[in-house]
C-alpha atoms as a PDB file:
ATOM      1  CA  MET A   1      -3.913 -32.483  -7.797  1.00  0.00           C
ATOM      2  CA  ILE A   2      -1.458 -29.596  -7.548  1.00  0.00           C
ATOM      3  CA  ILE A   3      -1.508 -26.971 -10.306  1.00  0.00           C
ATOM      4  CA  ASP A   4       0.849 -24.016 -10.508  1.00  0.00           C
ATOM      5  CA  CYS A   5      -1.001 -21.307 -12.435  1.00  0.00           C
ATOM      6  CA  HIS A   6       1.896 -18.891 -12.909  1.00  0.00           C
ATOM      7  CA  ILE A   7       5.107 -19.997 -14.654  1.00  0.00           C
ATOM      8  CA  HIS A   8       7.144 -18.057 -17.223  1.00  0.00           C
ATOM      9  CA  LEU A   9       8.914 -19.500 -20.256  1.00  0.00           C
ATOM     10  CA  LEU A  10      10.882 -17.031 -22.384  1.00  0.00           C
ATOM     11  CA  PRO A  11      12.201 -17.608 -25.919  1.00  0.00           C
ATOM     12  CA  ARG A  12      15.113 -20.020 -26.207  1.00  0.00           C
ATOM     13  CA  GLN A  13      17.369 -17.286 -27.528  1.00  0.00           C
ATOM     14  CA  VAL A  14      16.810 -15.216 -24.393  1.00  0.00           C
ATOM     15  CA  LYS A  15      18.259 -18.023 -22.296  1.00  0.00           C
ATOM     16  CA  VAL A  16      21.267 -18.257 -24.611  1.00  0.00           C
ATOM     17  CA  ASP A  17      21.990 -14.520 -24.568  1.00  0.00           C
ATOM     18  CA  ARG A  18      19.537 -11.911 -23.279  1.00  0.00           C
ATOM     19  CA  THR A  19      21.676  -8.876 -24.196  1.00  0.00           C
ATOM     20  CA  GLU A  20      19.844  -7.984 -27.416  1.00  0.00           C
ATOM     21  CA  PHE A  21      16.451  -8.363 -25.761  1.00  0.00           C
ATOM     22  CA  VAL A  22      17.406  -6.211 -22.765  1.00  0.00           C
ATOM     23  CA  ILE A  23      18.434  -3.425 -25.136  1.00  0.00           C
ATOM     24  CA  LYS A  24      15.513  -3.763 -27.525  1.00  0.00           C
ATOM     25  CA  ASP A  25      12.683  -4.037 -24.970  1.00  0.00           C
ATOM     26  CA  LYS A  26      12.971  -1.513 -22.132  1.00  0.00           C
ATOM     27  CA  ALA A  27      10.280  -3.241 -20.075  1.00  0.00           C
ATOM     28  CA  PHE A  28      12.094  -6.556 -20.335  1.00  0.00           C
ATOM     29  CA  GLY A  29      15.361  -4.844 -19.526  1.00  0.00           C
ATOM     30  CA  SER A  30      13.905  -3.358 -16.343  1.00  0.00           C
ATOM     31  CA  LEU A  31      13.184  -6.866 -15.063  1.00  0.00           C
ATOM     32  CA  PHE A  32      15.911  -9.018 -16.621  1.00  0.00           C
ATOM     33  CA  SER A  33      19.015  -6.886 -17.085  1.00  0.00           C
ATOM     34  CA  SER A  34      20.565  -8.546 -14.041  1.00  0.00           C
ATOM     35  CA  ALA A  35      21.987 -12.035 -14.457  1.00  0.00           C
ATOM     36  CA  LYS A  36      20.309 -12.843 -11.140  1.00  0.00           C
ATOM     37  CA  ALA A  37      16.949 -12.729 -12.914  1.00  0.00           C
ATOM     38  CA  LYS A  38      16.518 -16.383 -13.812  1.00  0.00           C
ATOM     39  CA  VAL A  39      15.508 -17.665 -17.229  1.00  0.00           C
ATOM     40  CA  VAL A  40      14.665 -21.354 -17.544  1.00  0.00           C
ATOM     41  CA  SER A  41      14.227 -23.916 -20.311  1.00  0.00           C
ATOM     42  CA  PRO A  42      11.222 -26.186 -20.855  1.00  0.00           C
ATOM     43  CA  GLU A  43      13.222 -29.078 -19.438  1.00  0.00           C
ATOM     44  CA  GLU A  44      13.972 -27.109 -16.282  1.00  0.00           C
ATOM     45  CA  ILE A  45      10.268 -26.385 -15.857  1.00  0.00           C
ATOM     46  CA  ILE A  46       9.426 -30.074 -16.137  1.00  0.00           C
ATOM     47  CA  ASN A  47      12.172 -30.913 -13.653  1.00  0.00           C
ATOM     48  CA  TYR A  48      10.738 -28.316 -11.284  1.00  0.00           C
ATOM     49  CA  LEU A  49       7.240 -29.774 -11.610  1.00  0.00           C
ATOM     50  CA  ASP A  50       8.500 -33.315 -11.042  1.00  0.00           C
ATOM     51  CA  GLY A  51      10.702 -32.371  -8.125  1.00  0.00           C
ATOM     52  CA  SER A  52       7.964 -30.343  -6.458  1.00  0.00           C
ATOM     53  CA  GLY A  53       5.111 -32.803  -6.855  1.00  0.00           C
ATOM     54  CA  ILE A  54       3.212 -30.466  -9.188  1.00  0.00           C
ATOM     55  CA  ASP A  55       0.915 -32.220 -11.633  1.00  0.00           C
ATOM     56  CA  LYS A  56       0.259 -29.427 -14.096  1.00  0.00           C
ATOM     57  CA  ALA A  57       1.186 -25.802 -14.784  1.00  0.00           C
ATOM     58  CA  ILE A  58      -0.129 -22.791 -16.672  1.00  0.00           C
ATOM     59  CA  VAL A  59       2.812 -21.459 -18.663  1.00  0.00           C
ATOM     60  CA  PHE A  60       3.165 -18.169 -20.523  1.00  0.00           C
ATOM     61  CA  GLY A  61       5.818 -15.853 -21.865  1.00  0.00           C
ATOM     62  CA  PHE A  62       6.441 -12.118 -21.618  1.00  0.00           C
ATOM     63  CA  PRO A  63       4.403  -9.175 -23.013  1.00  0.00           C
ATOM     64  CA  TRP A  64       7.020  -8.170 -25.554  1.00  0.00           C
ATOM     65  CA  ALA A  65       6.526  -4.808 -27.255  1.00  0.00           C
ATOM     66  CA  ASP A  66       7.792  -6.347 -30.512  1.00  0.00           C
ATOM     67  CA  TYR A  67       4.988  -8.359 -32.087  1.00  0.00           C
ATOM     68  CA  GLU A  68       7.315 -10.845 -33.786  1.00  0.00           C
ATOM     69  CA  ILE A  69       9.069 -11.686 -30.511  1.00  0.00           C
ATOM     70  CA  ALA A  70       5.749 -12.031 -28.695  1.00  0.00           C
ATOM     71  CA  SER A  71       4.432 -14.301 -31.412  1.00  0.00           C
ATOM     72  CA  LYS A  72       7.580 -16.428 -31.348  1.00  0.00           C
ATOM     73  CA  ASN A  73       7.371 -16.703 -27.559  1.00  0.00           C
ATOM     74  CA  ASN A  74       3.779 -17.910 -27.833  1.00  0.00           C
ATOM     75  CA  ASP A  75       4.787 -20.425 -30.501  1.00  0.00           C
ATOM     76  CA  GLU A  76       7.415 -21.854 -28.156  1.00  0.00           C
ATOM     77  CA  ILE A  77       4.804 -22.076 -25.395  1.00  0.00           C
ATOM     78  CA  TRP A  78       2.599 -24.063 -27.780  1.00  0.00           C
ATOM     79  CA  ASP A  79       5.495 -26.333 -28.741  1.00  0.00           C
ATOM     80  CA  PHE A  80       6.104 -26.972 -25.040  1.00  0.00           C
ATOM     81  CA  TYR A  81       2.437 -27.851 -24.567  1.00  0.00           C
ATOM     82  CA  GLU A  82       2.455 -30.250 -27.527  1.00  0.00           C
ATOM     83  CA  ARG A  83       5.426 -32.071 -26.008  1.00  0.00           C
ATOM     84  CA  TYR A  84       3.772 -32.300 -22.574  1.00  0.00           C
ATOM     85  CA  PRO A  85       0.009 -31.980 -23.137  1.00  0.00           C
ATOM     86  CA  ASP A  86      -0.832 -33.572 -19.787  1.00  0.00           C
ATOM     87  CA  ARG A  87       1.457 -31.244 -17.837  1.00  0.00           C
ATOM     88  CA  ILE A  88       1.316 -27.851 -19.554  1.00  0.00           C
ATOM     89  CA  VAL A  89      -1.615 -25.451 -20.013  1.00  0.00           C
ATOM     90  CA  PRO A  90      -0.676 -22.790 -22.609  1.00  0.00           C
ATOM     91  CA  PHE A  91      -1.623 -19.139 -22.138  1.00  0.00           C
ATOM     92  CA  ALA A  92      -0.785 -16.475 -24.735  1.00  0.00           C
ATOM     93  CA  THR A  93       0.580 -13.069 -23.885  1.00  0.00           C
ATOM     94  CA  PHE A  94       1.424  -9.882 -25.767  1.00  0.00           C
ATOM     95  CA  SER A  95       1.583  -6.115 -25.341  1.00  0.00           C
ATOM     96  CA  VAL A  96      -1.446  -3.864 -25.832  1.00  0.00           C
ATOM     97  CA  LEU A  97       0.783  -0.959 -26.904  1.00  0.00           C
ATOM     98  CA  GLN A  98      -0.290  -1.785 -30.466  1.00  0.00           C
ATOM     99  CA  PRO A  99      -3.970  -2.754 -30.114  1.00  0.00           C
ATOM    100  CA  GLU A 100      -4.371  -4.070 -33.660  1.00  0.00           C
ATOM    101  CA  LEU A 101      -1.446  -6.466 -33.246  1.00  0.00           C
ATOM    102  CA  ALA A 102      -2.665  -7.480 -29.785  1.00  0.00           C
ATOM    103  CA  TYR A 103      -6.012  -8.410 -31.317  1.00  0.00           C
ATOM    104  CA  LYS A 104      -4.269 -10.264 -34.149  1.00  0.00           C
ATOM    105  CA  GLU A 105      -2.235 -12.335 -31.689  1.00  0.00           C
ATOM    106  CA  SER A 106      -5.247 -13.000 -29.464  1.00  0.00           C
ATOM    107  CA  SER A 107      -7.212 -14.239 -32.449  1.00  0.00           C
ATOM    108  CA  ARG A 108      -4.343 -16.373 -33.758  1.00  0.00           C
ATOM    109  CA  THR A 109      -3.563 -18.067 -30.451  1.00  0.00           C
ATOM    110  CA  LEU A 110      -7.098 -18.588 -29.184  1.00  0.00           C
ATOM    111  CA  SER A 111      -8.249 -19.961 -32.538  1.00  0.00           C
ATOM    112  CA  GLY A 112      -5.216 -22.246 -32.387  1.00  0.00           C
ATOM    113  CA  GLY A 113      -6.236 -23.755 -29.068  1.00  0.00           C
ATOM    114  CA  PHE A 114      -4.552 -21.711 -26.334  1.00  0.00           C
ATOM    115  CA  ALA A 115      -6.331 -22.104 -23.003  1.00  0.00           C
ATOM    116  CA  GLY A 116      -6.222 -18.463 -21.924  1.00  0.00           C
ATOM    117  CA  LEU A 117      -4.671 -15.024 -22.212  1.00  0.00           C
ATOM    118  CA  GLY A 118      -2.002 -13.776 -19.814  1.00  0.00           C
ATOM    119  CA  GLU A 119      -0.093 -12.800 -17.913  1.00  0.00           C
ATOM    120  CA  LEU A 120      -0.968  -9.470 -19.513  1.00  0.00           C
ATOM    121  CA  ALA A 121       1.182  -6.673 -18.143  1.00  0.00           C
ATOM    122  CA  MET A 122       2.272  -3.109 -18.858  1.00  0.00           C
ATOM    123  CA  TYR A 123       5.656  -3.010 -17.191  1.00  0.00           C
ATOM    124  CA  ARG A 124       6.870   0.360 -18.463  1.00  0.00           C
ATOM    125  CA  ASN A 125       4.080   2.843 -17.797  1.00  0.00           C
ATOM    126  CA  GLY A 126       1.543   0.722 -15.947  1.00  0.00           C
ATOM    127  CA  TRP A 127      -2.134   0.080 -16.612  1.00  0.00           C
ATOM    128  CA  GLY A 128      -3.971   3.288 -17.450  1.00  0.00           C
ATOM    129  CA  ALA A 129      -7.589   3.657 -18.527  1.00  0.00           C
ATOM    130  CA  ALA A 130      -6.521   3.848 -22.182  1.00  0.00           C
ATOM    131  CA  ASP A 131      -4.650   0.548 -21.872  1.00  0.00           C
ATOM    132  CA  PHE A 132      -7.666  -1.267 -20.471  1.00  0.00           C
ATOM    133  CA  GLN A 133      -9.730   0.275 -23.255  1.00  0.00           C
ATOM    134  CA  ALA A 134      -7.243  -1.020 -25.843  1.00  0.00           C
ATOM    135  CA  LEU A 135      -7.503  -4.491 -24.330  1.00  0.00           C
ATOM    136  CA  ARG A 136     -11.264  -4.757 -24.788  1.00  0.00           C
ATOM    137  CA  PRO A 137     -11.292  -6.254 -28.315  1.00  0.00           C
ATOM    138  CA  CYS A 138      -9.007  -9.021 -27.020  1.00  0.00           C
ATOM    139  CA  LEU A 139     -11.378  -9.565 -24.111  1.00  0.00           C
ATOM    140  CA  ASP A 140     -14.240  -9.902 -26.585  1.00  0.00           C
ATOM    141  CA  LEU A 141     -12.314 -12.780 -28.141  1.00  0.00           C
ATOM    142  CA  ALA A 142     -11.574 -14.344 -24.761  1.00  0.00           C
ATOM    143  CA  GLN A 143     -15.237 -14.150 -23.859  1.00  0.00           C
ATOM    144  CA  HIS A 144     -16.211 -15.728 -27.181  1.00  0.00           C
ATOM    145  CA  HIS A 145     -13.753 -18.610 -26.676  1.00  0.00           C
ATOM    146  CA  GLY A 146     -14.670 -19.045 -23.010  1.00  0.00           C
ATOM    147  CA  VAL A 147     -11.108 -18.706 -21.722  1.00  0.00           C
ATOM    148  CA  PRO A 148      -9.718 -17.052 -18.584  1.00  0.00           C
ATOM    149  CA  VAL A 149      -7.612 -13.897 -18.638  1.00  0.00           C
ATOM    150  CA  MET A 150      -4.714 -13.236 -16.251  1.00  0.00           C
ATOM    151  CA  ILE A 151      -3.698  -9.632 -15.580  1.00  0.00           C
ATOM    152  CA  HIS A 152      -0.639  -8.383 -13.716  1.00  0.00           C
ATOM    153  CA  VAL A 153      -1.918  -6.262 -10.810  1.00  0.00           C
ATOM    154  CA  ASN A 154       0.366  -5.139  -8.025  1.00  0.00           C
ATOM    155  CA  GLU A 155      -0.077  -3.222  -4.781  1.00  0.00           C
ATOM    156  CA  PRO A 156       0.049   0.613  -5.027  1.00  0.00           C
ATOM    157  CA  VAL A 157       2.004   1.090  -1.787  1.00  0.00           C
ATOM    158  CA  GLY A 158       5.050  -0.427  -0.096  1.00  0.00           C
ATOM    159  CA  HIS A 159       8.556  -0.933  -1.430  1.00  0.00           C
ATOM    160  CA  ASP A 160       9.485  -0.517  -5.071  1.00  0.00           C
ATOM    161  CA  TYR A 161      10.820  -3.394  -7.174  1.00  0.00           C
ATOM    162  CA  PRO A 162      11.287  -4.234 -10.862  1.00  0.00           C
ATOM    163  CA  GLY A 163       7.885  -4.788 -12.450  1.00  0.00           C
ATOM    164  CA  LYS A 164       5.902  -2.768  -9.918  1.00  0.00           C
ATOM    165  CA  VAL A 165       3.622  -0.468 -11.895  1.00  0.00           C
ATOM    166  CA  PHE A 166       0.708   1.918 -11.585  1.00  0.00           C
ATOM    167  CA  VAL A 167      -2.701   0.303 -12.016  1.00  0.00           C
ATOM    168  CA  ASP A 168      -5.854   2.364 -12.584  1.00  0.00           C
ATOM    169  CA  ILE A 169      -8.085   0.421 -10.194  1.00  0.00           C
ATOM    170  CA  LYS A 170     -11.252   2.172 -11.336  1.00  0.00           C
ATOM    171  CA  ALA A 171     -10.560   1.266 -14.967  1.00  0.00           C
ATOM    172  CA  LEU A 172      -9.720  -2.300 -13.972  1.00  0.00           C
ATOM    173  CA  PHE A 173     -13.028  -2.670 -12.152  1.00  0.00           C
ATOM    174  CA  GLU A 174     -14.977  -1.142 -15.045  1.00  0.00           C
ATOM    175  CA  THR A 175     -13.324  -3.636 -17.392  1.00  0.00           C
ATOM    176  CA  ILE A 176     -14.194  -6.575 -15.148  1.00  0.00           C
ATOM    177  CA  SER A 177     -17.726  -5.246 -14.735  1.00  0.00           C
ATOM    178  CA  ASP A 178     -18.236  -5.113 -18.511  1.00  0.00           C
ATOM    179  CA  PHE A 179     -16.998  -8.687 -19.089  1.00  0.00           C
ATOM    180  CA  GLN A 180     -18.967 -10.715 -16.577  1.00  0.00           C
ATOM    181  CA  ASP A 181     -18.569 -13.967 -18.530  1.00  0.00           C
ATOM    182  CA  ILE A 182     -14.767 -14.002 -18.240  1.00  0.00           C
ATOM    183  CA  ASP A 183     -12.822 -15.607 -15.415  1.00  0.00           C
ATOM    184  CA  PHE A 184     -10.289 -12.931 -14.480  1.00  0.00           C
ATOM    185  CA  ILE A 185      -7.176 -14.077 -12.630  1.00  0.00           C
ATOM    186  CA  LEU A 186      -5.497 -11.092 -10.983  1.00  0.00           C
ATOM    187  CA  ALA A 187      -1.864 -11.984 -10.380  1.00  0.00           C
ATOM    188  CA  HIS A 188      -0.014 -11.191  -7.140  1.00  0.00           C
ATOM    189  CA  PHE A 189      -3.169 -11.282  -5.010  1.00  0.00           C
ATOM    190  CA  GLY A 190      -4.487  -8.561  -7.298  1.00  0.00           C
ATOM    191  CA  GLY A 191      -2.515  -5.950  -5.407  1.00  0.00           C
ATOM    192  CA  GLY A 192      -5.142  -6.200  -2.676  1.00  0.00           C
ATOM    193  CA  PHE A 193      -7.946  -5.526  -5.163  1.00  0.00           C
ATOM    194  CA  PHE A 194      -9.974  -8.309  -3.564  1.00  0.00           C
ATOM    195  CA  ILE A 195     -10.794  -6.108  -0.566  1.00  0.00           C
ATOM    196  CA  TYR A 196     -13.222  -4.115  -2.711  1.00  0.00           C
ATOM    197  CA  SER A 197     -15.393  -7.189  -3.024  1.00  0.00           C
ATOM    198  CA  LEU A 198     -16.651  -6.313   0.480  1.00  0.00           C
ATOM    199  CA  MET A 199     -18.353  -3.215  -0.929  1.00  0.00           C
ATOM    200  CA  PRO A 200     -22.024  -3.998  -1.665  1.00  0.00           C
ATOM    201  CA  GLU A 201     -21.964  -2.255  -5.050  1.00  0.00           C
ATOM    202  CA  ILE A 202     -18.718  -3.978  -6.081  1.00  0.00           C
ATOM    203  CA  GLY A 203     -18.957  -7.536  -4.745  1.00  0.00           C
ATOM    204  CA  PRO A 204     -21.688  -8.776  -7.117  1.00  0.00           C
ATOM    205  CA  LYS A 205     -19.530  -7.767 -10.093  1.00  0.00           C
ATOM    206  CA  MET A 206     -16.586  -9.846  -8.852  1.00  0.00           C
ATOM    207  CA  LYS A 207     -18.186 -13.292  -8.932  1.00  0.00           C
ATOM    208  CA  ARG A 208     -15.650 -14.480 -11.511  1.00  0.00           C
ATOM    209  CA  VAL A 209     -12.592 -12.694 -10.167  1.00  0.00           C
ATOM    210  CA  TYR A 210      -9.748 -14.849  -8.839  1.00  0.00           C
ATOM    211  CA  VAL A 211      -6.348 -13.989  -7.395  1.00  0.00           C
ATOM    212  CA  ASP A 212      -3.117 -15.922  -7.620  1.00  0.00           C
ATOM    213  CA  THR A 213      -0.376 -16.040  -5.011  1.00  0.00           C
ATOM    214  CA  ALA A 214       2.588 -15.136  -7.238  1.00  0.00           C
ATOM    215  CA  ALA A 215       5.423 -13.395  -5.350  1.00  0.00           C
ATOM    216  CA  ALA A 216       3.399 -13.328  -2.109  1.00  0.00           C
ATOM    217  CA  PRO A 217       6.396 -14.319   0.081  1.00  0.00           C
ATOM    218  CA  PHE A 218       8.101 -11.084  -1.021  1.00  0.00           C
ATOM    219  CA  LEU A 219       5.042  -8.915  -0.419  1.00  0.00           C
ATOM    220  CA  TYR A 220       2.796 -10.121   2.415  1.00  0.00           C
ATOM    221  CA  ASP A 221       2.736 -12.091   5.626  1.00  0.00           C
ATOM    222  CA  ASN A 222       0.761 -15.316   5.808  1.00  0.00           C
ATOM    223  CA  ARG A 223      -2.500 -13.577   6.806  1.00  0.00           C
ATOM    224  CA  ILE A 224      -2.990 -12.611   3.153  1.00  0.00           C
ATOM    225  CA  PHE A 225      -4.389 -16.079   2.416  1.00  0.00           C
ATOM    226  CA  SER A 226      -7.126 -15.911   5.017  1.00  0.00           C
ATOM    227  CA  LEU A 227      -8.001 -12.317   4.142  1.00  0.00           C
ATOM    228  CA  ALA A 228      -8.380 -13.150   0.451  1.00  0.00           C
ATOM    229  CA  VAL A 229     -10.481 -16.217   1.233  1.00  0.00           C
ATOM    230  CA  GLN A 230     -12.698 -14.239   3.595  1.00  0.00           C
ATOM    231  CA  SER A 231     -13.144 -11.453   1.031  1.00  0.00           C
ATOM    232  CA  LEU A 232     -13.584 -13.376  -2.216  1.00  0.00           C
ATOM    233  CA  GLY A 233     -14.441 -16.888  -1.047  1.00  0.00           C
ATOM    234  CA  GLU A 234     -12.568 -20.161  -0.641  1.00  0.00           C
ATOM    235  CA  ASP A 235     -12.869 -20.952  -4.356  1.00  0.00           C
ATOM    236  CA  LYS A 236     -11.058 -17.819  -5.522  1.00  0.00           C
ATOM    237  CA  VAL A 237      -7.410 -18.181  -4.451  1.00  0.00           C
ATOM    238  CA  LEU A 238      -5.026 -19.974  -6.840  1.00  0.00           C
ATOM    239  CA  LEU A 239      -1.474 -21.182  -6.328  1.00  0.00           C
ATOM    240  CA  GLY A 240       0.917 -19.303  -8.581  1.00  0.00           C
ATOM    241  CA  THR A 241       4.648 -19.427  -7.861  1.00  0.00           C
ATOM    242  CA  ASP A 242       6.021 -17.066 -10.535  1.00  0.00           C
ATOM    243  CA  PHE A 243       8.663 -19.742 -11.215  1.00  0.00           C
ATOM    244  CA  PRO A 244      11.566 -19.366 -11.776  1.00  0.00           C
ATOM    245  CA  LEU A 245      11.337 -16.425  -9.375  1.00  0.00           C
ATOM    246  CA  LEU A 246      10.202 -18.750  -6.571  1.00  0.00           C
ATOM    247  CA  GLY A 247       9.308 -22.396  -6.066  1.00  0.00           C
ATOM    248  CA  ILE A 248       6.339 -23.980  -4.376  1.00  0.00           C
ATOM    249  CA  SER A 249       8.035 -24.627  -1.019  1.00  0.00           C
ATOM    250  CA  ARG A 250       7.862 -20.955  -0.015  1.00  0.00           C
ATOM    251  CA  TYR A 251       4.104 -20.935  -0.559  1.00  0.00           C
ATOM    252  CA  GLU A 252       3.560 -24.215   1.261  1.00  0.00           C
ATOM    253  CA  ARG A 253       5.425 -22.716   4.205  1.00  0.00           C
ATOM    254  CA  MET A 254       3.091 -19.715   4.198  1.00  0.00           C
ATOM    255  CA  LEU A 255       0.071 -22.019   4.096  1.00  0.00           C
ATOM    256  CA  ASP A 256       1.484 -23.943   7.053  1.00  0.00           C
ATOM    257  CA  GLN A 257       2.026 -20.727   8.989  1.00  0.00           C
ATOM    258  CA  ALA A 258      -1.512 -19.614   8.178  1.00  0.00           C
ATOM    259  CA  ASN A 259      -2.777 -23.030   9.329  1.00  0.00           C
ATOM    260  CA  ILE A 260      -4.540 -23.613   6.034  1.00  0.00           C
ATOM    261  CA  GLN A 261      -5.055 -27.349   5.700  1.00  0.00           C
ATOM    262  CA  GLY A 262      -7.551 -29.900   4.434  1.00  0.00           C
ATOM    263  CA  GLU A 263     -10.075 -29.054   1.742  1.00  0.00           C
ATOM    264  CA  LEU A 264      -9.239 -25.335   1.594  1.00  0.00           C
ATOM    265  CA  ARG A 265      -5.543 -26.063   1.086  1.00  0.00           C
ATOM    266  CA  ALA A 266      -6.376 -28.554  -1.670  1.00  0.00           C
ATOM    267  CA  LYS A 267      -8.514 -25.950  -3.407  1.00  0.00           C
ATOM    268  CA  ILE A 268      -5.781 -23.316  -3.298  1.00  0.00           C
ATOM    269  CA  LEU A 269      -3.097 -25.750  -4.482  1.00  0.00           C
ATOM    270  CA  GLY A 270      -5.031 -26.849  -7.541  1.00  0.00           C
ATOM    271  CA  GLY A 271      -8.724 -27.472  -7.135  1.00  0.00           C
ATOM    272  CA  ASN A 272      -9.785 -23.897  -7.794  1.00  0.00           C
ATOM    273  CA  VAL A 273      -7.844 -23.418 -11.009  1.00  0.00           C
ATOM    274  CA  GLN A 274      -8.956 -26.848 -12.197  1.00  0.00           C
ATOM    275  CA  THR A 275     -12.544 -25.629 -11.879  1.00  0.00           C
ATOM    276  CA  ILE A 276     -11.723 -22.724 -14.192  1.00  0.00           C
ATOM    277  CA  LEU A 277     -10.064 -25.007 -16.738  1.00  0.00           C
ATOM    278  CA  ASN A 278     -12.963 -27.471 -16.567  1.00  0.00           C
ATOM    279  CA  ARG A 279     -15.374 -24.646 -17.377  1.00  0.00           C
ATOM    280  CA  ARG A 280     -13.483 -23.957 -20.592  1.00  0.00           C
ATOM    281  CA  HIS A 281     -13.458 -27.669 -21.438  1.00  0.00           C
ATOM    282  CA  LEU A 282     -17.233 -27.877 -21.033  1.00  0.00           C
ATOM    283  CA  GLN A 283     -17.746 -24.859 -23.290  1.00  0.00           C
ATOM    284  CA  LYS A 284     -15.591 -26.462 -25.997  1.00  0.00           C
ATOM    285  CA  ILE A 285     -17.774 -29.574 -25.813  1.00  0.00           C
ATOM    286  CA  ASN A 286     -20.963 -27.500 -25.995  1.00  0.00           C
ATOM    287  CA  ASP A 287     -19.630 -25.511 -28.948  1.00  0.00           C
ATOM    288  CA  ALA A 288     -18.884 -28.752 -30.788  1.00  0.00           C
ATOM    289  CA  ILE A 289     -22.413 -30.110 -30.334  1.00  0.00           C
END
């Protein structure tokens, strides 16, 4: 089974005309002001999955600063899931700029059946210690519901690009350390965060830390796959394309170049994220008993 764990679906109105949203949300504008920044419909996502041989996908929106827009985006994600329950896994996202509203949306969506939180991002000013602190009540909810949490983490060096932000690595690790029962998915290979798992005082705290491959063809050469596997383990790397930014073929090419085949390739392409989703399913069964 192939599962893409990183696909974006924005509100329908954004696809019709993004002008108002670009003006209203500066973070969104920094990423989507150019017409080259693709926005797709639910039907286009399904066509992509079908045409790429992908069985299932985790789909989420954008961390809008406006609560009403974020809530509407999550509602459209849920509608998409209800239309394709065997193909779509719904994650809920929001901004932590207003912690009370972030908690409200976390509670609403997780109680309503969403399978996880993410991709959580702070595209304007980055992830500071105060932002991770503000996220903690939402993480309490995620831990209670037994769902994974995906966080946007990018590399601190190299070329600049829209969406590249500062991340307080110390605060990120402290957050992970304090929520050991959550499966954390760090997007974009976690900005290289996985290398710290080699430190004896850090590694034991990262047993439930995963990284996805989103945007890797723009950031790394093919050795990144082997390095992440060697650092975190073969069960910790998840295919994420960041569609519509990229499609699966670019990642398959990198896997070919890295000579990753057989069981390890199958795990990266879907087996590992399925394990995470199965864990949530088992908790739901146990909670119902």
